[in-house]
Amino acid sequence: MLKDFAEHIEIYGNSIAQPKFAFKMLLSKDNLAVIGEKRNTVRINYKGVTFIKFRATELAEEIDNLTGLVEVTLIGRSQINEFNGNRNVQVIIDNIKLEKKEIRMLF
């Protein structure tokens, strides 16, 4: 579905807003990366989709300091990222919230 919306970006604009999607995911630090020359871009990989937030210095610092699991709630817009001839779906993050989670073992 994200790919379908991203491939028809030409229909948005002129008072027709691009649709936004909400996601809630439980992630480990392995799914989160701080990238870019200035280390202010955040990339999340989840189930084959890349979520990205540019110019996010505070968020990048928060992610650098994370340990364990984190619940991520975000809102973003779908688009196609084309690089070296490869086309992949990515979601541009508009809003994001991180909440640390603890795993409790019951014995």
C-alpha atoms as a PDB file:
ATOM      1  CA  MET A   1       0.000   0.000   0.000  1.00  0.00           C
ATOM      2  CA  LEU A   2       2.820   2.412   0.862  1.00  0.00           C
ATOM      3  CA  LYS A   3       4.342   1.802  -2.563  1.00  0.00           C
ATOM      4  CA  ASP A   4       1.028   2.527  -4.315  1.00  0.00           C
ATOM      5  CA  PHE A   5       0.666   5.882  -2.563  1.00  0.00           C
ATOM      6  CA  ALA A   6       4.319   6.798  -3.180  1.00  0.00           C
ATOM      7  CA  GLU A   7       4.217   6.005  -6.885  1.00  0.00           C
ATOM      8  CA  HIS A   8       1.394   8.479  -7.512  1.00  0.00           C
ATOM      9  CA  ILE A   9       2.889  11.524  -5.837  1.00  0.00           C
ATOM     10  CA  GLU A  10       1.881  13.690  -8.814  1.00  0.00           C
ATOM     11  CA  ILE A  11      -1.754  13.759  -7.650  1.00  0.00           C
ATOM     12  CA  TYR A  12      -0.900  15.638  -4.439  1.00  0.00           C
ATOM     13  CA  GLY A  13      -0.560  19.392  -4.178  1.00  0.00           C
ATOM     14  CA  ASN A  14      -2.847  22.272  -5.140  1.00  0.00           C
ATOM     15  CA  SER A  15      -4.828  21.800  -1.896  1.00  0.00           C
ATOM     16  CA  ILE A  16      -4.718  17.973  -2.046  1.00  0.00           C
ATOM     17  CA  ALA A  17      -2.558  16.916   0.902  1.00  0.00           C
ATOM     18  CA  GLN A  18      -0.273  13.920   0.670  1.00  0.00           C
ATOM     19  CA  PRO A  19      -1.651  11.152   2.904  1.00  0.00           C
ATOM     20  CA  LYS A  20       0.107  10.499   6.191  1.00  0.00           C
ATOM     21  CA  PHE A  21       0.387   7.130   7.868  1.00  0.00           C
ATOM     22  CA  ALA A  22       0.783   6.267  11.552  1.00  0.00           C
ATOM     23  CA  PHE A  23       3.027   3.456  12.784  1.00  0.00           C
ATOM     24  CA  LYS A  24       3.703   1.950  16.191  1.00  0.00           C
ATOM     25  CA  MET A  25       6.603  -0.482  16.556  1.00  0.00           C
ATOM     26  CA  LEU A  26       8.719  -2.092  19.231  1.00  0.00           C
ATOM     27  CA  LEU A  27      12.361  -1.899  18.152  1.00  0.00           C
ATOM     28  CA  SER A  28      15.842  -2.642  19.368  1.00  0.00           C
ATOM     29  CA  LYS A  29      18.757  -0.300  18.801  1.00  0.00           C
ATOM     30  CA  ASP A  30      19.757  -2.542  15.867  1.00  0.00           C
ATOM     31  CA  ASN A  31      16.808  -1.130  13.885  1.00  0.00           C
ATOM     32  CA  LEU A  32      17.853   2.494  14.510  1.00  0.00           C
ATOM     33  CA  ALA A  33      20.760   4.364  12.934  1.00  0.00           C
ATOM     34  CA  VAL A  34      22.144   7.870  13.012  1.00  0.00           C
ATOM     35  CA  ILE A  35      23.643   8.676   9.616  1.00  0.00           C
ATOM     36  CA  GLY A  36      24.979  11.499   7.495  1.00  0.00           C
ATOM     37  CA  GLU A  37      28.027  13.708   7.548  1.00  0.00           C
ATOM     38  CA  LYS A  38      26.567  15.868  10.327  1.00  0.00           C
ATOM     39  CA  ARG A  39      25.072  12.818  12.126  1.00  0.00           C
ATOM     40  CA  ASN A  40      21.665  14.492  12.226  1.00  0.00           C
ATOM     41  CA  THR A  41      19.655  12.071  10.086  1.00  0.00           C
ATOM     42  CA  VAL A  42      17.810   9.176  11.705  1.00  0.00           C
ATOM     43  CA  ARG A  43      17.034   5.993   9.784  1.00  0.00           C
ATOM     44  CA  ILE A  44      14.784   3.181  11.007  1.00  0.00           C
ATOM     45  CA  ASN A  45      14.564  -0.143   9.192  1.00  0.00           C
ATOM     46  CA  TYR A  46      11.473  -2.201   9.945  1.00  0.00           C
ATOM     47  CA  LYS A  47       9.943  -5.043   7.932  1.00  0.00           C
ATOM     48  CA  GLY A  48      11.562  -3.966   4.673  1.00  0.00           C
ATOM     49  CA  VAL A  49      10.593  -0.310   4.949  1.00  0.00           C
ATOM     50  CA  THR A  50      13.009   2.525   5.666  1.00  0.00           C
ATOM     51  CA  PHE A  51      11.741   5.396   7.801  1.00  0.00           C
ATOM     52  CA  ILE A  52      13.874   8.549   7.686  1.00  0.00           C
ATOM     53  CA  LYS A  53      14.003  11.896   9.488  1.00  0.00           C
ATOM     54  CA  PHE A  54      16.350  14.621   8.245  1.00  0.00           C
ATOM     55  CA  ARG A  55      17.804  17.477  10.328  1.00  0.00           C
ATOM     56  CA  ALA A  56      16.939  15.750  13.610  1.00  0.00           C
ATOM     57  CA  THR A  57      19.909  16.519  15.851  1.00  0.00           C
ATOM     58  CA  GLU A  58      18.081  16.079  19.178  1.00  0.00           C
ATOM     59  CA  LEU A  59      16.478  12.812  18.062  1.00  0.00           C
ATOM     60  CA  ALA A  60      19.863  11.551  16.833  1.00  0.00           C
ATOM     61  CA  GLU A  61      21.413  12.270  20.238  1.00  0.00           C
ATOM     62  CA  GLU A  62      18.533  10.483  21.968  1.00  0.00           C
ATOM     63  CA  ILE A  63      19.016   7.416  19.758  1.00  0.00           C
ATOM     64  CA  ASP A  64      22.781   7.401  20.334  1.00  0.00           C
ATOM     65  CA  ASN A  65      22.084   7.101  24.076  1.00  0.00           C
ATOM     66  CA  LEU A  66      19.438   4.358  23.821  1.00  0.00           C
ATOM     67  CA  THR A  67      19.807   0.911  25.284  1.00  0.00           C
ATOM     68  CA  GLY A  68      17.351  -1.976  25.208  1.00  0.00           C
ATOM     69  CA  LEU A  69      13.960  -1.804  23.545  1.00  0.00           C
ATOM     70  CA  VAL A  70      12.085   1.291  22.490  1.00  0.00           C
ATOM     71  CA  GLU A  71       8.484   1.775  21.401  1.00  0.00           C
ATOM     72  CA  VAL A  72       8.420   4.081  18.397  1.00  0.00           C
ATOM     73  CA  THR A  73       5.263   5.925  17.398  1.00  0.00           C
ATOM     74  CA  LEU A  74       5.548   7.973  14.224  1.00  0.00           C
ATOM     75  CA  ILE A  75       3.602   9.719  11.501  1.00  0.00           C
ATOM     76  CA  GLY A  76       5.025  10.010   8.014  1.00  0.00           C
ATOM     77  CA  ARG A  77       4.558  10.262   4.264  1.00  0.00           C
ATOM     78  CA  SER A  78       5.378   7.495   1.808  1.00  0.00           C
ATOM     79  CA  GLN A  79       7.733   8.064  -1.117  1.00  0.00           C
ATOM     80  CA  ILE A  80      10.025   6.173  -3.459  1.00  0.00           C
ATOM     81  CA  ASN A  81      13.768   6.480  -2.900  1.00  0.00           C
ATOM     82  CA  GLU A  82      15.750   5.776  -6.051  1.00  0.00           C
ATOM     83  CA  PHE A  83      19.494   5.184  -5.679  1.00  0.00           C
ATOM     84  CA  ASN A  84      21.822   3.458  -8.155  1.00  0.00           C
ATOM     85  CA  GLY A  85      18.854   2.179 -10.131  1.00  0.00           C
ATOM     86  CA  ASN A  86      17.167   0.625  -7.086  1.00  0.00           C
ATOM     87  CA  ARG A  87      13.693   1.837  -6.129  1.00  0.00           C
ATOM     88  CA  ASN A  88      12.604   1.338  -2.530  1.00  0.00           C
ATOM     89  CA  VAL A  89       9.717   2.553  -0.419  1.00  0.00           C
ATOM     90  CA  GLN A  90      10.665   4.943   2.350  1.00  0.00           C
ATOM     91  CA  VAL A  91       8.599   6.937   4.798  1.00  0.00           C
ATOM     92  CA  ILE A  92       9.584  10.518   5.545  1.00  0.00           C
ATOM     93  CA  ILE A  93       8.972  11.011   9.265  1.00  0.00           C
ATOM     94  CA  ASP A  94       6.959  14.117  10.196  1.00  0.00           C
ATOM     95  CA  ASN A  95       6.449  13.355  13.901  1.00  0.00           C
ATOM     96  CA  ILE A  96       8.098  10.772  16.118  1.00  0.00           C
ATOM     97  CA  LYS A  97       7.967   9.723  19.763  1.00  0.00           C
ATOM     98  CA  LEU A  98      10.319   7.256  21.477  1.00  0.00           C
ATOM     99  CA  GLU A  99       9.469   5.493  24.723  1.00  0.00           C
ATOM    100  CA  LYS A 100      11.906   3.156  26.458  1.00  0.00           C
ATOM    101  CA  LYS A 101      10.469  -0.270  27.294  1.00  0.00           C
ATOM    102  CA  GLU A 102      11.594  -2.860  29.776  1.00  0.00           C
ATOM    103  CA  ILE A 103      11.140  -6.584  29.412  1.00  0.00           C
ATOM    104  CA  ARG A 104       9.996  -8.220  32.619  1.00  0.00           C
ATOM    105  CA  MET A 105      10.659 -11.877  33.121  1.00  0.00           C
ATOM    106  CA  LEU A 106       8.061 -13.734  35.125  1.00  0.00           C
ATOM    107  CA  PHE A 107       9.152 -17.004  36.723  1.00  0.00           C
END
